[in-house]
Each structure stands twice: as structure tokens, then as C-alpha cells.
C-alpha atoms as a PDB file:
ATOM      1  CA  MET A   1     147.939 222.260  68.293  1.00  0.00           C
ATOM      2  CA  LYS A   2     148.639 224.206  65.106  1.00  0.00           C
ATOM      3  CA  ASN A   3     151.301 226.690  64.126  1.00  0.00           C
ATOM      4  CA  GLN A   4     150.318 228.957  61.278  1.00  0.00           C
ATOM      5  CA  PHE A   5     151.536 231.968  59.412  1.00  0.00           C
ATOM      6  CA  THR A   6     148.599 234.162  58.498  1.00  0.00           C
ATOM      7  CA  LEU A   7     149.040 236.524  55.582  1.00  0.00           C
ATOM      8  CA  THR A   8     146.693 239.130  54.136  1.00  0.00           C
ATOM      9  CA  ASN A   9     144.298 237.781  51.587  1.00  0.00           C
ATOM     10  CA  VAL A  10     145.584 234.215  51.125  1.00  0.00           C
ATOM     11  CA  MET A  11     144.783 231.031  52.859  1.00  0.00           C
ATOM     12  CA  SER A  12     147.136 228.014  52.699  1.00  0.00           C
ATOM     13  CA  ARG A  13     148.325 225.375  55.126  1.00  0.00           C
ATOM     14  CA  PHE A  14     151.384 226.323  57.345  1.00  0.00           C
ATOM     15  CA  ALA A  15     152.074 223.386  59.622  1.00  0.00           C
ATOM     16  CA  ARG A  16     150.556 220.938  62.005  1.00  0.00           C
ATOM     17  CA  LEU A  17     151.383 223.161  64.992  1.00  0.00           C
ATOM     18  CA  GLY A  18     148.624 225.283  63.803  1.00  0.00           C
ATOM     19  CA  LEU A  19     146.397 227.996  62.503  1.00  0.00           C
ATOM     20  CA  ALA A  20     143.501 226.986  64.676  1.00  0.00           C
ATOM     21  CA  LEU A  21     146.011 226.562  67.449  1.00  0.00           C
ATOM     22  CA  ALA A  22     149.134 228.477  66.675  1.00  0.00           C
ATOM     23  CA  GLY A  23     149.094 230.801  63.758  1.00  0.00           C
ATOM     24  CA  LEU A  24     151.922 233.023  62.618  1.00  0.00           C
ATOM     25  CA  MET A  25     150.443 235.678  60.455  1.00  0.00           C
ATOM     26  CA  LEU A  26     152.223 237.744  57.931  1.00  0.00           C
ATOM     27  CA  LEU A  27     150.329 240.742  56.555  1.00  0.00           C
ATOM     28  CA  VAL A  28     151.827 243.157  54.123  1.00  0.00           C
ATOM     29  CA  ILE A  29     149.630 246.201  53.386  1.00  0.00           C
ATOM     30  CA  ALA A  30     150.160 249.427  51.504  1.00  0.00           C
ATOM     31  CA  ALA A  31     147.659 252.255  52.225  1.00  0.00           C
ATOM     32  CA  SER A  32     147.277 255.692  50.798  1.00  0.00           C
ATOM     33  CA  SER A  33     147.869 257.775  53.903  1.00  0.00           C
ATOM     34  CA  SER A  34     150.748 259.033  56.043  1.00  0.00           C
ATOM     35  CA  ALA A  35     152.261 257.456  59.046  1.00  0.00           C
ATOM     36  CA  GLN A  36     150.473 260.119  61.084  1.00  0.00           C
ATOM     37  CA  GLU A  37     147.233 258.290  60.304  1.00  0.00           C
ATOM     38  CA  VAL A  38     148.420 255.279  62.305  1.00  0.00           C
ATOM     39  CA  LEU A  39     146.876 255.443  65.785  1.00  0.00           C
ATOM     40  CA  PRO A  40     149.282 254.288  68.500  1.00  0.00           C
ATOM     41  CA  PRO A  41     148.359 251.465  70.905  1.00  0.00           C
ATOM     42  CA  SER A  42     148.517 253.886  73.828  1.00  0.00           C
ATOM     43  CA  SER A  43     145.580 255.821  72.375  1.00  0.00           C
ATOM     44  CA  LEU A  44     142.923 253.124  72.997  1.00  0.00           C
ATOM     45  CA  PRO A  45     141.578 253.687  69.452  1.00  0.00           C
ATOM     46  CA  TYR A  46     137.829 253.786  69.308  1.00  0.00           C
ATOM     47  CA  GLY A  47     137.505 252.677  72.921  1.00  0.00           C
ATOM     48  CA  LEU A  48     139.457 249.437  72.770  1.00  0.00           C
ATOM     49  CA  SER A  49     143.117 248.531  73.291  1.00  0.00           C
ATOM     50  CA  TYR A  50     145.204 247.000  70.487  1.00  0.00           C
ATOM     51  CA  GLU A  51     145.163 243.771  72.527  1.00  0.00           C
ATOM     52  CA  GLU A  52     141.398 243.708  72.464  1.00  0.00           C
ATOM     53  CA  TRP A  53     141.286 244.667  68.775  1.00  0.00           C
ATOM     54  CA  SER A  54     143.670 241.801  67.968  1.00  0.00           C
ATOM     55  CA  ALA A  55     141.369 239.269  69.647  1.00  0.00           C
ATOM     56  CA  LYS A  56     138.356 240.640  67.787  1.00  0.00           C
ATOM     57  CA  TRP A  57     140.260 240.428  64.495  1.00  0.00           C
ATOM     58  CA  TRP A  58     141.034 236.774  65.103  1.00  0.00           C
ATOM     59  CA  GLN A  59     137.474 235.988  66.120  1.00  0.00           C
ATOM     60  CA  TRP A  60     136.285 237.499  62.811  1.00  0.00           C
ATOM     61  CA  SER A  61     138.977 235.761  60.739  1.00  0.00           C
ATOM     62  CA  LEU A  62     138.586 232.260  62.207  1.00  0.00           C
ATOM     63  CA  GLY A  63     134.819 232.503  61.985  1.00  0.00           C
ATOM     64  CA  GLN A  64     134.831 232.913  58.246  1.00  0.00           C
ATOM     65  CA  ALA A  65     133.690 230.296  55.739  1.00  0.00           C
ATOM     66  CA  THR A  66     136.000 229.184  52.929  1.00  0.00           C
ATOM     67  CA  ASN A  67     133.213 229.593  50.332  1.00  0.00           C
ATOM     68  CA  HIS A  68     132.749 233.260  51.236  1.00  0.00           C
ATOM     69  CA  LEU A  69     136.030 234.832  52.394  1.00  0.00           C
ATOM     70  CA  GLU A  70     135.859 238.565  52.995  1.00  0.00           C
ATOM     71  CA  LEU A  71     138.679 240.944  52.146  1.00  0.00           C
ATOM     72  CA  VAL A  72     137.178 243.585  54.416  1.00  0.00           C
ATOM     73  CA  GLY A  73     135.140 242.802  57.517  1.00  0.00           C
ATOM     74  CA  ALA A  74     131.515 243.915  57.495  1.00  0.00           C
ATOM     75  CA  PRO A  75     130.753 247.107  59.439  1.00  0.00           C
ATOM     76  CA  GLY A  76     129.205 246.870  62.859  1.00  0.00           C
ATOM     77  CA  ILE A  77     131.382 244.018  64.204  1.00  0.00           C
ATOM     78  CA  CYS A  78     131.556 246.074  67.412  1.00  0.00           C
ATOM     79  CA  THR A  79     129.210 248.584  68.945  1.00  0.00           C
ATOM     80  CA  GLY A  80     129.485 252.286  69.714  1.00  0.00           C
ATOM     81  CA  PRO A  81     132.423 254.238  68.225  1.00  0.00           C
ATOM     82  CA  ALA A  82     134.151 250.923  67.550  1.00  0.00           C
ATOM     83  CA  SER A  83     131.417 249.968  65.058  1.00  0.00           C
ATOM     84  CA  ARG A  84     133.067 252.171  62.408  1.00  0.00           C
ATOM     85  CA  VAL A  85     136.207 250.021  62.340  1.00  0.00           C
ATOM     86  CA  ARG A  86     136.571 247.438  59.593  1.00  0.00           C
ATOM     87  CA  PHE A  87     139.140 244.627  59.435  1.00  0.00           C
ATOM     88  CA  LEU A  88     141.421 243.843  56.452  1.00  0.00           C
ATOM     89  CA  SER A  89     141.677 240.137  55.781  1.00  0.00           C
ATOM     90  CA  GLY A  90     144.590 237.813  56.554  1.00  0.00           C
ATOM     91  CA  VAL A  91     146.243 234.937  54.780  1.00  0.00           C
ATOM     92  CA  TYR A  92     147.153 231.620  56.256  1.00  0.00           C
ATOM     93  CA  LEU A  93     150.515 230.261  55.091  1.00  0.00           C
ATOM     94  CA  PRO A  94     151.945 226.809  55.900  1.00  0.00           C
ATOM     95  CA  VAL A  95     154.907 226.617  58.163  1.00  0.00           C
ATOM     96  CA  THR A  96     156.749 224.955  55.355  1.00  0.00           C
ATOM     97  CA  GLY A  97     157.240 228.457  54.067  1.00  0.00           C
ATOM     98  CA  GLY A  98     157.184 230.215  50.744  1.00  0.00           C
ATOM     99  CA  ILE A  99     157.288 233.568  49.032  1.00  0.00           C
ATOM    100  CA  THR A 100     153.954 235.381  48.525  1.00  0.00           C
ATOM    101  CA  SER A 101     153.253 238.588  46.608  1.00  0.00           C
ATOM    102  CA  LYS A 102     149.666 239.754  46.126  1.00  0.00           C
ATOM    103  CA  THR A 103     147.571 242.828  45.380  1.00  0.00           C
ATOM    104  CA  ASN A 104     144.023 243.213  46.590  1.00  0.00           C
ATOM    105  CA  HIS A 105     141.480 245.845  45.504  1.00  0.00           C
ATOM    106  CA  VAL A 106     138.875 247.005  47.984  1.00  0.00           C
ATOM    107  CA  ILE A 107     136.351 249.830  48.290  1.00  0.00           C
ATOM    108  CA  ILE A 108     135.242 251.266  51.615  1.00  0.00           C
ATOM    109  CA  GLY A 109     132.974 254.059  52.749  1.00  0.00           C
ATOM    110  CA  PRO A 110     134.141 257.430  54.142  1.00  0.00           C
ATOM    111  CA  ASP A 111     135.138 257.848  57.796  1.00  0.00           C
ATOM    112  CA  THR A 112     136.153 254.176  58.030  1.00  0.00           C
ATOM    113  CA  PRO A 113     139.159 253.209  60.291  1.00  0.00           C
ATOM    114  CA  LEU A 114     141.009 250.050  59.175  1.00  0.00           C
ATOM    115  CA  PHE A 115     142.595 247.515  61.570  1.00  0.00           C
ATOM    116  CA  PHE A 116     144.898 244.704  60.347  1.00  0.00           C
ATOM    117  CA  PRO A 117     147.911 242.653  61.279  1.00  0.00           C
ATOM    118  CA  ILE A 118     151.217 242.993  59.490  1.00  0.00           C
ATOM    119  CA  LEU A 119     152.199 239.645  60.943  1.00  0.00           C
ATOM    120  CA  SER A 120     150.559 237.557  63.666  1.00  0.00           C
ATOM    121  CA  VAL A 121     150.704 234.137  65.248  1.00  0.00           C
ATOM    122  CA  TRP A 122     147.802 232.366  66.901  1.00  0.00           C
ATOM    123  CA  ASP A 123     147.423 229.194  68.921  1.00  0.00           C
ATOM    124  CA  ASP A 124     144.661 227.085  70.487  1.00  0.00           C
ATOM    125  CA  ASN A 125     143.877 223.506  71.426  1.00  0.00           C
ATOM    126  CA  SER A 126     141.958 222.540  68.319  1.00  0.00           C
ATOM    127  CA  ALA A 127     143.534 219.484  66.709  1.00  0.00           C
ATOM    128  CA  CYS A 128     142.396 216.318  65.000  1.00  0.00           C
ATOM    129  CA  PRO A 129     141.638 213.646  65.955  1.00  0.00           C
ATOM    130  CA  THR A 130     142.150 214.722  69.607  1.00  0.00           C
ATOM    131  CA  PHE A 131     142.168 218.219  71.055  1.00  0.00           C
ATOM    132  CA  THR A 132     145.089 219.209  73.304  1.00  0.00           C
ATOM    133  CA  SER A 133     144.531 220.699  76.733  1.00  0.00           C
ATOM    134  CA  LEU A 134     147.181 223.410  76.974  1.00  0.00           C
ATOM    135  CA  THR A 135     146.563 226.479  79.198  1.00  0.00           C
ATOM    136  CA  ALA A 136     146.511 229.986  77.798  1.00  0.00           C
ATOM    137  CA  ASP A 137     150.016 230.464  79.208  1.00  0.00           C
ATOM    138  CA  ASP A 138     151.217 227.326  77.416  1.00  0.00           C
ATOM    139  CA  LEU A 139     149.751 228.523  74.150  1.00  0.00           C
ATOM    140  CA  GLY A 140     151.314 231.927  74.687  1.00  0.00           C
ATOM    141  CA  ALA A 141     154.734 230.284  75.159  1.00  0.00           C
ATOM    142  CA  THR A 142     154.340 228.591  71.750  1.00  0.00           C
ATOM    143  CA  ASN A 143     153.483 231.921  70.160  1.00  0.00           C
ATOM    144  CA  ALA A 144     156.523 233.537  71.731  1.00  0.00           C
ATOM    145  CA  SER A 145     158.820 230.830  70.342  1.00  0.00           C
ATOM    146  CA  LEU A 146     157.374 231.266  66.843  1.00  0.00           C
ATOM    147  CA  TRP A 147     157.545 235.050  67.062  1.00  0.00           C
ATOM    148  CA  SER A 148     161.280 234.884  67.855  1.00  0.00           C
ATOM    149  CA  ALA A 149     161.866 233.783  64.260  1.00  0.00           C
ATOM    150  CA  VAL A 150     160.280 236.905  62.816  1.00  0.00           C
ATOM    151  CA  THR A 151     162.826 239.243  61.414  1.00  0.00           C
ATOM    152  CA  VAL A 152     160.942 241.878  59.373  1.00  0.00           C
ATOM    153  CA  THR A 153     157.700 243.730  59.714  1.00  0.00           C
ATOM    154  CA  SER A 154     157.173 246.851  57.670  1.00  0.00           C
ATOM    155  CA  CYS A 155     154.292 248.922  56.250  1.00  0.00           C
ATOM    156  CA  THR A 156     153.926 251.944  53.964  1.00  0.00           C
ATOM    157  CA  VAL A 157     150.777 253.988  53.501  1.00  0.00           C
ATOM    158  CA  ASP A 158     150.730 255.884  50.215  1.00  0.00           C
ATOM    159  CA  GLY A 159     154.460 255.416  50.030  1.00  0.00           C
ATOM    160  CA  VAL A 160     155.177 256.774  53.466  1.00  0.00           C
ATOM    161  CA  ALA A 161     156.781 254.304  55.903  1.00  0.00           C
ATOM    162  CA  VAL A 162     155.186 253.654  59.254  1.00  0.00           C
ATOM    163  CA  ALA A 163     157.898 254.434  61.798  1.00  0.00           C
ATOM    164  CA  GLY A 164     158.736 252.139  64.680  1.00  0.00           C
ATOM    165  CA  LEU A 165     158.316 248.777  62.988  1.00  0.00           C
ATOM    166  CA  GLU A 166     162.003 248.013  62.501  1.00  0.00           C
ATOM    167  CA  ASN A 167     162.279 245.493  65.377  1.00  0.00           C
ATOM    168  CA  PRO A 168     159.411 242.986  65.454  1.00  0.00           C
ATOM    169  CA  ALA A 169     160.217 242.063  69.056  1.00  0.00           C
ATOM    170  CA  THR A 170     160.255 245.578  70.564  1.00  0.00           C
ATOM    171  CA  THR A 171     157.917 247.642  68.362  1.00  0.00           C
ATOM    172  CA  GLU A 172     155.090 249.302  70.228  1.00  0.00           C
ATOM    173  CA  TYR A 173     152.728 247.773  67.708  1.00  0.00           C
ATOM    174  CA  PHE A 174     153.522 244.251  68.909  1.00  0.00           C
ATOM    175  CA  VAL A 175     150.721 243.066  71.269  1.00  0.00           C
ATOM    176  CA  GLN A 176     149.583 239.906  72.908  1.00  0.00           C
ATOM    177  CA  SER A 177     145.921 239.246  72.921  1.00  0.00           C
ATOM    178  CA  PRO A 178     143.919 238.252  76.026  1.00  0.00           C
ATOM    179  CA  PRO A 179     142.602 234.666  75.858  1.00  0.00           C
ATOM    180  CA  PHE A 180     139.590 234.647  73.544  1.00  0.00           C
ATOM    181  CA  SER A 181     137.022 232.286  72.071  1.00  0.00           C
ATOM    182  CA  TYR A 182     135.909 231.988  68.468  1.00  0.00           C
ATOM    183  CA  THR A 183     133.134 230.078  66.776  1.00  0.00           C
ATOM    184  CA  THR A 184     133.673 228.239  63.470  1.00  0.00           C
ATOM    185  CA  ALA A 185     131.367 228.903  60.525  1.00  0.00           C
ATOM    186  CA  GLU A 186     128.362 226.673  60.348  1.00  0.00           C
ATOM    187  CA  LYS A 187     129.487 225.407  56.919  1.00  0.00           C
ATOM    188  CA  ASP A 188     132.901 225.268  55.218  1.00  0.00           C
ATOM    189  CA  ASN A 189     134.750 226.449  58.300  1.00  0.00           C
ATOM    190  CA  VAL A 190     138.439 227.463  57.755  1.00  0.00           C
ATOM    191  CA  LEU A 191     139.854 224.851  60.152  1.00  0.00           C
ATOM    192  CA  GLU A 192     138.385 222.035  58.071  1.00  0.00           C
ATOM    193  CA  GLY A 193     138.765 223.673  54.708  1.00  0.00           C
ATOM    194  CA  PHE A 194     142.345 225.034  55.011  1.00  0.00           C
ATOM    195  CA  PHE A 195     143.855 222.652  57.510  1.00  0.00           C
ATOM    196  CA  GLY A 196     142.009 219.449  56.872  1.00  0.00           C
ATOM    197  CA  ASP A 197     140.607 219.240  60.432  1.00  0.00           C
ATOM    198  CA  ALA A 198     137.497 217.331  59.409  1.00  0.00           C
ATOM    199  CA  CYS A 199     136.775 216.503  63.106  1.00  0.00           C
ATOM    200  CA  ILE A 200     135.978 220.187  63.843  1.00  0.00           C
ATOM    201  CA  PRO A 201     132.375 220.802  63.055  1.00  0.00           C
ATOM    202  CA  GLY A 202     130.687 224.002  61.987  1.00  0.00           C
ATOM    203  CA  GLY A 203     129.364 226.191  64.766  1.00  0.00           C
ATOM    204  CA  MET A 204     131.867 224.908  67.355  1.00  0.00           C
ATOM    205  CA  THR A 205     133.167 227.422  69.915  1.00  0.00           C
ATOM    206  CA  ILE A 206     136.865 227.021  70.825  1.00  0.00           C
ATOM    207  CA  TYR A 207     138.489 228.438  73.975  1.00  0.00           C
ATOM    208  CA  PRO A 208     141.117 229.460  74.880  1.00  0.00           C
ATOM    209  CA  ALA A 209     142.877 230.922  71.849  1.00  0.00           C
ATOM    210  CA  VAL A 210     145.723 233.503  72.093  1.00  0.00           C
ATOM    211  CA  ALA A 211     147.555 235.547  69.490  1.00  0.00           C
ATOM    212  CA  ASP A 212     150.764 237.550  69.225  1.00  0.00           C
ATOM    213  CA  GLY A 213     151.462 239.964  66.413  1.00  0.00           C
ATOM    214  CA  VAL A 214     152.169 243.412  65.027  1.00  0.00           C
ATOM    215  CA  TYR A 215     148.945 245.306  64.125  1.00  0.00           C
ATOM    216  CA  LEU A 216     148.090 248.748  62.871  1.00  0.00           C
ATOM    217  CA  MET A 217     144.940 250.847  63.293  1.00  0.00           C
ATOM    218  CA  LEU A 218     144.608 253.428  60.528  1.00  0.00           C
ATOM    219  CA  ALA A 219     142.446 256.522  61.017  1.00  0.00           C
ATOM    220  CA  PRO A 220     139.930 257.110  58.233  1.00  0.00           C
ATOM    221  CA  LEU A 221     141.614 257.795  54.893  1.00  0.00           C
ATOM    222  CA  LYS A 222     140.565 260.705  52.727  1.00  0.00           C
ATOM    223  CA  PRO A 223     138.234 260.029  49.787  1.00  0.00           C
ATOM    224  CA  GLY A 224     140.138 258.780  46.748  1.00  0.00           C
ATOM    225  CA  SER A 225     142.693 256.101  45.997  1.00  0.00           C
ATOM    226  CA  HIS A 226     145.163 254.825  48.529  1.00  0.00           C
ATOM    227  CA  LYS A 227     147.824 252.135  48.738  1.00  0.00           C
ATOM    228  CA  ILE A 228     148.728 250.069  51.801  1.00  0.00           C
ATOM    229  CA  HIS A 229     151.832 247.924  51.407  1.00  0.00           C
ATOM    230  CA  PHE A 230     153.249 245.609  54.051  1.00  0.00           C
ATOM    231  CA  VAL A 231     155.976 242.974  54.311  1.00  0.00           C
ATOM    232  CA  GLY A 232     156.642 240.156  56.742  1.00  0.00           C
ATOM    233  CA  VAL A 233     159.649 237.897  56.918  1.00  0.00           C
ATOM    234  CA  VAL A 234     160.296 234.815  59.014  1.00  0.00           C
ATOM    235  CA  ALA A 235     163.953 233.794  59.006  1.00  0.00           C
ATOM    236  CA  PRO A 236     164.929 231.678  62.068  1.00  0.00           C
ATOM    237  CA  ASP A 237     168.473 230.978  60.900  1.00  0.00           C
ATOM    238  CA  GLY A 238     168.927 234.080  58.688  1.00  0.00           C
ATOM    239  CA  THR A 239     167.434 232.489  55.629  1.00  0.00           C
ATOM    240  CA  PRO A 240     163.804 233.416  55.028  1.00  0.00           C
ATOM    241  CA  ILE A 241     161.354 230.492  55.249  1.00  0.00           C
ATOM    242  CA  ILE A 242     158.476 232.845  54.756  1.00  0.00           C
ATOM    243  CA  GLN A 243     158.516 236.143  52.860  1.00  0.00           C
ATOM    244  CA  GLU A 244     155.306 237.975  52.148  1.00  0.00           C
ATOM    245  CA  GLU A 245     154.503 241.163  50.418  1.00  0.00           C
ATOM    246  CA  ILE A 246     150.902 242.339  50.210  1.00  0.00           C
ATOM    247  CA  THR A 247     149.416 245.454  48.703  1.00  0.00           C
ATOM    248  CA  PHE A 248     145.895 246.756  49.292  1.00  0.00           C
ATOM    249  CA  ASP A 249     144.632 249.243  46.725  1.00  0.00           C
ATOM    250  CA  VAL A 250     141.936 251.010  48.697  1.00  0.00           C
ATOM    251  CA  GLY A 251     139.246 253.169  47.160  1.00  0.00           C
ATOM    252  CA  VAL A 252     137.494 255.431  49.644  1.00  0.00           C
ATOM    253  CA  LEU A 253     134.044 256.704  48.619  1.00  0.00           C
ATOM    254  CA  ARG A 254     132.953 260.288  49.178  1.00  0.00           C
END
């Protein structure tokens, strides 16, 4: 089992408890929009719940190849109204901790909603040389234990703070995914490339996986330049072991 912090736009090893198994993701994003552009979980944005969106985000992220990491998910990951949504990438940080500050520059088309985690943790049974056999409930308990160490989740969009993120444990944007499966890339999969799990081949489907985290769905931004900035801190004893600050400079085409 793995425990892993996942941050926007960077991939590095967190700990043996696991990214492919348990991943704690920190995403810090700044967007050029107001907090009113954040769609609440109760709205079932674009036909899916935040819980369902979180599972789809992880399926996309864990299915990437290390030789072609995307900052923005390709359009059409879903069907119907949901096909407009694009994902912002995450970063995997080792459990050993560290301080990360990074700025990404991306360009998207008009009328494009964005979904991303500020901080998230994921867990599954993938491990080398032998897979574990924990249930989805067991994996969820590991996630809950990891999440209890998260002390800060925050995000601004064009300098305006998103309200309601002050408490990572009680914010309405904290969700737990349903159990989901994901399939590793045929070549240069992230489990092997970032975590050294050479026993996990390309094209392998892994189930169950579960994830906890704080996510945001942004309604389409107006054409022009925007800034999304987010911060995540993990401090189990009051001293940060992980502190991440990520900025996305987003250009929206007309």
C-alpha cells in the first residue's frame, strides 16, 4: 500500500504507503475569477457529484505516462455536458515532506469548466513485490488517518479567496470518492516511473482505489488572463512536513 501527497504539476515520491495506494494530494491553484465561479458540491456540476468527479480525476491522473504528463486533461474525458470539463494536473510528493512552490502556464478554450484538487489523498492495493488485499473500507480508513494531518487548504481565483476552505476536515469541498478502478499507461506508467514499482506493468487495471480530498469545480472563466493560486499544508504535530504553493496562469481564448 502507498501513501502519497499529490500536488499540482509535480511528481515526486512521497512514501511507501503510497500514491498508487494511498496518495495525499496537495494542489495549490490561483485562477482569474471570483469565488462566485466555484460551483458547490450540492449543485451536481455538469451532471456529476463532486465524489464522482474526484474518482474521474484520479483515473485520469493515474493513467498518465511519465514521458507525456499533461497539465490540462484533454477535452471529452466524459460525455454529454460533462465533456466540457477539463482537469488541472496534480503533483505527487513523497511522504518525507518538503516545500514546493511552482507556477504553471496553460491555455484553454472558451466555455471550459476546470476541476482540480487543492489537496487529495488516494489509496489502493498496488504494491511491489506483492499486492495487498485491503477492502475499500480499509483503504478509506488509511486515507482518513492521513487526512487528519492536513491543516491548511486555501485557494484564490484572480486574487479573490474561495470561502469555506478554512477547515480541511469540515469544508463542504471535502469529499470521499466511491471505489474506482484505473488503468496504468501502456508505457512509462506513473506507478513504475515515480514510485519504482517495476512489478506493475503497463495496461494493468487496479481496483479498488479510493480517494479523499478537497476539490473545486470552476465555472468557465471569461476570455483573457486569469490566476489560480492554491496552498496545502500537512502538519501532524504543528510543524509542516509538507507545504505546497501552486499557481496556474490560465489564458482563456476567445
